[in-house]
Amino acid sequence: MNKTFDKKTLDNHIECFSNFNKTDPICTKLCAINIRCAIESDQQDRMEILEDLVASEVMFMKIQ
């Protein structure tokens, strides 16, 4: 994984910001070992699940 990135590629890319994509070479190179990226990604996944659960509960309450 010795791929180098030119300045234009890096300038047009806005870091992972918790949206780690293993197919994105910049994320893989720059964020794969960044613990904050992994934690943020996990927290974001948990929040999405929680939001889905809350939304389904609200819908269930409206139906009844």
PDB file of N, CA and C in Angstrom:
ATOM      1  N   MET A   1       0.832  -1.184   0.000  1.00  0.00           N
ATOM      2  CA  MET A   1       0.000   0.000   0.000  1.00  0.00           C
ATOM      3  C   MET A   1       0.879   1.251   0.000  1.00  0.00           C
ATOM      4  N   ASN A   2       1.713   1.377  -1.008  1.00  0.00           N
ATOM      5  CA  ASN A   2       2.607   2.513  -1.124  1.00  0.00           C
ATOM      6  C   ASN A   2       2.079   3.544  -2.100  1.00  0.00           C
ATOM      7  N   LYS A   3       0.792   3.638  -2.219  1.00  0.00           N
ATOM      8  CA  LYS A   3       0.198   4.586  -3.153  1.00  0.00           C
ATOM      9  C   LYS A   3       0.342   6.002  -2.607  1.00  0.00           C
ATOM     10  N   THR A   4       0.863   6.896  -3.449  1.00  0.00           N
ATOM     11  CA  THR A   4       0.991   8.295  -3.036  1.00  0.00           C
ATOM     12  C   THR A   4      -0.151   9.095  -3.633  1.00  0.00           C
ATOM     13  N   PHE A   5      -0.512  10.157  -2.955  1.00  0.00           N
ATOM     14  CA  PHE A   5      -1.616  10.994  -3.396  1.00  0.00           C
ATOM     15  C   PHE A   5      -1.085  12.372  -3.731  1.00  0.00           C
ATOM     16  N   ASP A   6      -1.524  12.909  -4.868  1.00  0.00           N
ATOM     17  CA  ASP A   6      -1.083  14.255  -5.211  1.00  0.00           C
ATOM     18  C   ASP A   6      -1.878  15.287  -4.414  1.00  0.00           C
ATOM     19  N   LYS A   7      -1.360  16.512  -4.392  1.00  0.00           N
ATOM     20  CA  LYS A   7      -1.973  17.573  -3.594  1.00  0.00           C
ATOM     21  C   LYS A   7      -3.409  17.839  -4.029  1.00  0.00           C
ATOM     22  N   LYS A   8      -3.687  17.787  -5.322  1.00  0.00           N
ATOM     23  CA  LYS A   8      -5.038  18.053  -5.815  1.00  0.00           C
ATOM     24  C   LYS A   8      -6.026  17.013  -5.281  1.00  0.00           C
ATOM     25  N   THR A   9      -5.626  15.757  -5.277  1.00  0.00           N
ATOM     26  CA  THR A   9      -6.496  14.703  -4.765  1.00  0.00           C
ATOM     27  C   THR A   9      -6.807  14.928  -3.293  1.00  0.00           C
ATOM     28  N   LEU A  10      -5.788  15.249  -2.514  1.00  0.00           N
ATOM     29  CA  LEU A  10      -5.987  15.462  -1.082  1.00  0.00           C
ATOM     30  C   LEU A  10      -6.781  16.727  -0.800  1.00  0.00           C
ATOM     31  N   ASP A  11      -6.581  17.773  -1.596  1.00  0.00           N
ATOM     32  CA  ASP A  11      -7.316  19.025  -1.394  1.00  0.00           C
ATOM     33  C   ASP A  11      -8.800  18.854  -1.670  1.00  0.00           C
ATOM     34  N   ASN A  12      -9.153  18.002  -2.616  1.00  0.00           N
ATOM     35  CA  ASN A  12     -10.554  17.797  -2.970  1.00  0.00           C
ATOM     36  C   ASN A  12     -11.242  16.764  -2.080  1.00  0.00           C
ATOM     37  N   HIS A  13     -10.503  16.173  -1.194  1.00  0.00           N
ATOM     38  CA  HIS A  13     -11.061  15.132  -0.332  1.00  0.00           C
ATOM     39  C   HIS A  13     -11.181  15.679   1.084  1.00  0.00           C
ATOM     40  N   ILE A  14     -12.379  15.587   1.652  1.00  0.00           N
ATOM     41  CA  ILE A  14     -12.588  16.047   3.019  1.00  0.00           C
ATOM     42  C   ILE A  14     -12.527  14.830   3.915  1.00  0.00           C
ATOM     43  N   GLU A  15     -11.436  14.616   4.556  1.00  0.00           N
ATOM     44  CA  GLU A  15     -11.201  13.501   5.465  1.00  0.00           C
ATOM     45  C   GLU A  15     -12.377  12.538   5.605  1.00  0.00           C
ATOM     46  N   CYS A  16     -12.245  11.568   6.444  1.00  0.00           N
ATOM     47  CA  CYS A  16     -13.296  10.558   6.612  1.00  0.00           C
ATOM     48  C   CYS A  16     -14.461  11.075   7.437  1.00  0.00           C
ATOM     49  N   PHE A  17     -14.182  11.880   8.450  1.00  0.00           N
ATOM     50  CA  PHE A  17     -15.216  12.413   9.332  1.00  0.00           C
ATOM     51  C   PHE A  17     -16.222  11.350   9.726  1.00  0.00           C
ATOM     52  N   SER A  18     -15.707  10.243  10.203  1.00  0.00           N
ATOM     53  CA  SER A  18     -16.475   9.100  10.709  1.00  0.00           C
ATOM     54  C   SER A  18     -17.220   8.329   9.625  1.00  0.00           C
ATOM     55  N   ASN A  19     -16.980   8.660   8.400  1.00  0.00           N
ATOM     56  CA  ASN A  19     -17.594   7.914   7.298  1.00  0.00           C
ATOM     57  C   ASN A  19     -16.527   7.053   6.638  1.00  0.00           C
ATOM     58  N   PHE A  20     -15.939   6.159   7.400  1.00  0.00           N
ATOM     59  CA  PHE A  20     -14.856   5.328   6.893  1.00  0.00           C
ATOM     60  C   PHE A  20     -15.356   4.424   5.784  1.00  0.00           C
ATOM     61  N   ASN A  21     -14.652   4.451   4.686  1.00  0.00           N
ATOM     62  CA  ASN A  21     -14.987   3.629   3.534  1.00  0.00           C
ATOM     63  C   ASN A  21     -13.740   2.834   3.168  1.00  0.00           C
ATOM     64  N   LYS A  22     -13.788   1.523   3.355  1.00  0.00           N
ATOM     65  CA  LYS A  22     -12.591   0.724   3.126  1.00  0.00           C
ATOM     66  C   LYS A  22     -12.169   0.677   1.665  1.00  0.00           C
ATOM     67  N   THR A  23     -13.032   1.083   0.746  1.00  0.00           N
ATOM     68  CA  THR A  23     -12.652   1.106  -0.664  1.00  0.00           C
ATOM     69  C   THR A  23     -12.034   2.441  -1.071  1.00  0.00           C
ATOM     70  N   ASP A  24     -12.124   3.436  -0.211  1.00  0.00           N
ATOM     71  CA  ASP A  24     -11.530   4.745  -0.486  1.00  0.00           C
ATOM     72  C   ASP A  24     -10.065   4.709  -0.056  1.00  0.00           C
ATOM     73  N   PRO A  25      -9.135   4.837  -1.006  1.00  0.00           N
ATOM     74  CA  PRO A  25      -7.720   4.715  -0.648  1.00  0.00           C
ATOM     75  C   PRO A  25      -7.249   5.783   0.336  1.00  0.00           C
ATOM     76  N   ILE A  26      -7.837   6.956   0.298  1.00  0.00           N
ATOM     77  CA  ILE A  26      -7.432   8.006   1.233  1.00  0.00           C
ATOM     78  C   ILE A  26      -7.882   7.651   2.643  1.00  0.00           C
ATOM     79  N   CYS A  27      -9.101   7.177   2.791  1.00  0.00           N
ATOM     80  CA  CYS A  27      -9.567   6.739   4.114  1.00  0.00           C
ATOM     81  C   CYS A  27      -8.709   5.589   4.624  1.00  0.00           C
ATOM     82  N   THR A  28      -8.431   4.644   3.755  1.00  0.00           N
ATOM     83  CA  THR A  28      -7.651   3.488   4.165  1.00  0.00           C
ATOM     84  C   THR A  28      -6.261   3.908   4.615  1.00  0.00           C
ATOM     85  N   LYS A  29      -5.650   4.801   3.871  1.00  0.00           N
ATOM     86  CA  LYS A  29      -4.282   5.225   4.179  1.00  0.00           C
ATOM     87  C   LYS A  29      -4.235   6.142   5.396  1.00  0.00           C
ATOM     88  N   LEU A  30      -5.149   7.090   5.486  1.00  0.00           N
ATOM     89  CA  LEU A  30      -5.049   8.121   6.513  1.00  0.00           C
ATOM     90  C   LEU A  30      -5.893   7.859   7.752  1.00  0.00           C
ATOM     91  N   CYS A  31      -6.954   7.083   7.642  1.00  0.00           N
ATOM     92  CA  CYS A  31      -7.870   6.922   8.777  1.00  0.00           C
ATOM     93  C   CYS A  31      -7.923   5.521   9.358  1.00  0.00           C
ATOM     94  N   ALA A  32      -7.405   4.543   8.668  1.00  0.00           N
ATOM     95  CA  ALA A  32      -7.564   3.160   9.114  1.00  0.00           C
ATOM     96  C   ALA A  32      -7.017   2.936  10.511  1.00  0.00           C
ATOM     97  N   ILE A  33      -5.932   3.600  10.874  1.00  0.00           N
ATOM     98  CA  ILE A  33      -5.370   3.396  12.205  1.00  0.00           C
ATOM     99  C   ILE A  33      -5.743   4.526  13.156  1.00  0.00           C
ATOM    100  N   ASN A  34      -6.593   5.406  12.716  1.00  0.00           N
ATOM    101  CA  ASN A  34      -7.024   6.518  13.553  1.00  0.00           C
ATOM    102  C   ASN A  34      -8.158   6.038  14.454  1.00  0.00           C
ATOM    103  N   ILE A  35      -7.892   5.907  15.737  1.00  0.00           N
ATOM    104  CA  ILE A  35      -8.877   5.359  16.667  1.00  0.00           C
ATOM    105  C   ILE A  35     -10.113   6.241  16.750  1.00  0.00           C
ATOM    106  N   ARG A  36      -9.941   7.544  16.634  1.00  0.00           N
ATOM    107  CA  ARG A  36     -11.097   8.433  16.691  1.00  0.00           C
ATOM    108  C   ARG A  36     -12.049   8.170  15.539  1.00  0.00           C
ATOM    109  N   CYS A  37     -11.518   7.866  14.390  1.00  0.00           N
ATOM    110  CA  CYS A  37     -12.354   7.570  13.224  1.00  0.00           C
ATOM    111  C   CYS A  37     -13.180   6.307  13.485  1.00  0.00           C
ATOM    112  N   ALA A  38     -12.553   5.301  14.047  1.00  0.00           N
ATOM    113  CA  ALA A  38     -13.265   4.052  14.338  1.00  0.00           C
ATOM    114  C   ALA A  38     -14.343   4.265  15.390  1.00  0.00           C
ATOM    115  N   ILE A  39     -14.028   5.035  16.422  1.00  0.00           N
ATOM    116  CA  ILE A  39     -15.005   5.301  17.483  1.00  0.00           C
ATOM    117  C   ILE A  39     -16.178   6.097  16.936  1.00  0.00           C
ATOM    118  N   GLU A  40     -15.898   7.140  16.169  1.00  0.00           N
ATOM    119  CA  GLU A  40     -16.962   7.963  15.594  1.00  0.00           C
ATOM    120  C   GLU A  40     -17.853   7.137  14.675  1.00  0.00           C
ATOM    121  N   SER A  41     -17.242   6.270  13.889  1.00  0.00           N
ATOM    122  CA  SER A  41     -18.018   5.431  12.980  1.00  0.00           C
ATOM    123  C   SER A  41     -18.956   4.516  13.761  1.00  0.00           C
ATOM    124  N   ASP A  42     -18.453   3.915  14.834  1.00  0.00           N
ATOM    125  CA  ASP A  42     -19.275   3.036  15.664  1.00  0.00           C
ATOM    126  C   ASP A  42     -20.409   3.814  16.323  1.00  0.00           C
ATOM    127  N   GLN A  43     -20.102   4.992  16.843  1.00  0.00           N
ATOM    128  CA  GLN A  43     -21.135   5.802  17.496  1.00  0.00           C
ATOM    129  C   GLN A  43     -22.201   6.238  16.496  1.00  0.00           C
ATOM    130  N   GLN A  44     -21.780   6.578  15.304  1.00  0.00           N
ATOM    131  CA  GLN A  44     -22.741   7.000  14.288  1.00  0.00           C
ATOM    132  C   GLN A  44     -23.660   5.840  13.895  1.00  0.00           C
ATOM    133  N   ASP A  45     -23.096   4.647  13.774  1.00  0.00           N
ATOM    134  CA  ASP A  45     -23.915   3.468  13.471  1.00  0.00           C
ATOM    135  C   ASP A  45     -24.939   3.221  14.573  1.00  0.00           C
ATOM    136  N   ARG A  46     -24.517   3.349  15.823  1.00  0.00           N
ATOM    137  CA  ARG A  46     -25.425   3.139  16.952  1.00  0.00           C
ATOM    138  C   ARG A  46     -26.529   4.190  16.972  1.00  0.00           C
ATOM    139  N   MET A  47     -26.183   5.437  16.655  1.00  0.00           N
ATOM    140  CA  MET A  47     -27.184   6.505  16.637  1.00  0.00           C
ATOM    141  C   MET A  47     -28.219   6.259  15.541  1.00  0.00           C
ATOM    142  N   GLU A  48     -27.770   5.781  14.382  1.00  0.00           N
ATOM    143  CA  GLU A  48     -28.703   5.490  13.296  1.00  0.00           C
ATOM    144  C   GLU A  48     -29.677   4.384  13.697  1.00  0.00           C
ATOM    145  N   ILE A  49     -29.179   3.362  14.377  1.00  0.00           N
ATOM    146  CA  ILE A  49     -30.051   2.277  14.845  1.00  0.00           C
ATOM    147  C   ILE A  49     -31.051   2.812  15.855  1.00  0.00           C
ATOM    148  N   LEU A  50     -30.575   3.633  16.785  1.00  0.00           N
ATOM    149  CA  LEU A  50     -31.452   4.211  17.793  1.00  0.00           C
ATOM    150  C   LEU A  50     -32.521   5.096  17.156  1.00  0.00           C
ATOM    151  N   GLU A  51     -32.126   5.910  16.182  1.00  0.00           N
ATOM    152  CA  GLU A  51     -33.089   6.769  15.489  1.00  0.00           C
ATOM    153  C   GLU A  51     -34.148   5.937  14.769  1.00  0.00           C
ATOM    154  N   ASP A  52     -33.732   4.836  14.153  1.00  0.00           N
ATOM    155  CA  ASP A  52     -34.689   3.955  13.481  1.00  0.00           C
ATOM    156  C   ASP A  52     -35.672   3.347  14.478  1.00  0.00           C
ATOM    157  N   LEU A  53     -35.165   2.931  15.630  1.00  0.00           N
ATOM    158  CA  LEU A  53     -36.036   2.351  16.653  1.00  0.00           C
ATOM    159  C   LEU A  53     -37.034   3.376  17.180  1.00  0.00           C
ATOM    160  N   VAL A  54     -36.561   4.587  17.433  1.00  0.00           N
ATOM    161  CA  VAL A  54     -37.444   5.640  17.937  1.00  0.00           C
ATOM    162  C   VAL A  54     -38.488   5.992  16.890  1.00  0.00           C
ATOM    163  N   ALA A  55     -38.073   6.099  15.637  1.00  0.00           N
ATOM    164  CA  ALA A  55     -39.014   6.436  14.567  1.00  0.00           C
ATOM    165  C   ALA A  55     -40.091   5.359  14.432  1.00  0.00           C
ATOM    166  N   SER A  56     -39.710   4.107  14.559  1.00  0.00           N
ATOM    167  CA  SER A  56     -40.705   3.038  14.444  1.00  0.00           C
ATOM    168  C   SER A  56     -41.655   3.044  15.641  1.00  0.00           C
ATOM    169  N   GLU A  57     -41.159   3.381  16.826  1.00  0.00           N
ATOM    170  CA  GLU A  57     -42.017   3.475  18.012  1.00  0.00           C
ATOM    171  C   GLU A  57     -43.014   4.623  17.868  1.00  0.00           C
ATOM    172  N   VAL A  58     -42.554   5.757  17.347  1.00  0.00           N
ATOM    173  CA  VAL A  58     -43.439   6.911  17.148  1.00  0.00           C
ATOM    174  C   VAL A  58     -44.526   6.556  16.143  1.00  0.00           C
ATOM    175  N   MET A  59     -44.145   5.881  15.071  1.00  0.00           N
ATOM    176  CA  MET A  59     -45.112   5.479  14.057  1.00  0.00           C
ATOM    177  C   MET A  59     -46.121   4.498  14.651  1.00  0.00           C
ATOM    178  N   PHE A  60     -45.661   3.565  15.467  1.00  0.00           N
ATOM    179  CA  PHE A  60     -46.541   2.599  16.111  1.00  0.00           C
ATOM    180  C   PHE A  60     -47.546   3.312  17.021  1.00  0.00           C
ATOM    181  N   MET A  61     -47.088   4.320  17.751  1.00  0.00           N
ATOM    182  CA  MET A  61     -47.971   5.067  18.651  1.00  0.00           C
ATOM    183  C   MET A  61     -49.015   5.855  17.857  1.00  0.00           C
ATOM    184  N   LYS A  62     -48.637   6.391  16.697  1.00  0.00           N
ATOM    185  CA  LYS A  62     -49.577   7.155  15.873  1.00  0.00           C
ATOM    186  C   LYS A  62     -50.658   6.250  15.290  1.00  0.00           C
ATOM    187  N   ILE A  63     -50.280   5.034  14.935  1.00  0.00           N
ATOM    188  CA  ILE A  63     -51.232   4.099  14.340  1.00  0.00           C
ATOM    189  C   ILE A  63     -52.282   3.689  15.362  1.00  0.00           C
ATOM    190  N   GLN A  64     -51.873   3.504  16.595  1.00  0.00           N
ATOM    191  CA  GLN A  64     -52.828   3.086  17.628  1.00  0.00           C
ATOM    192  C   GLN A  64     -53.602   4.262  18.032  1.00  0.00           C
TER     193      GLN A  64
END
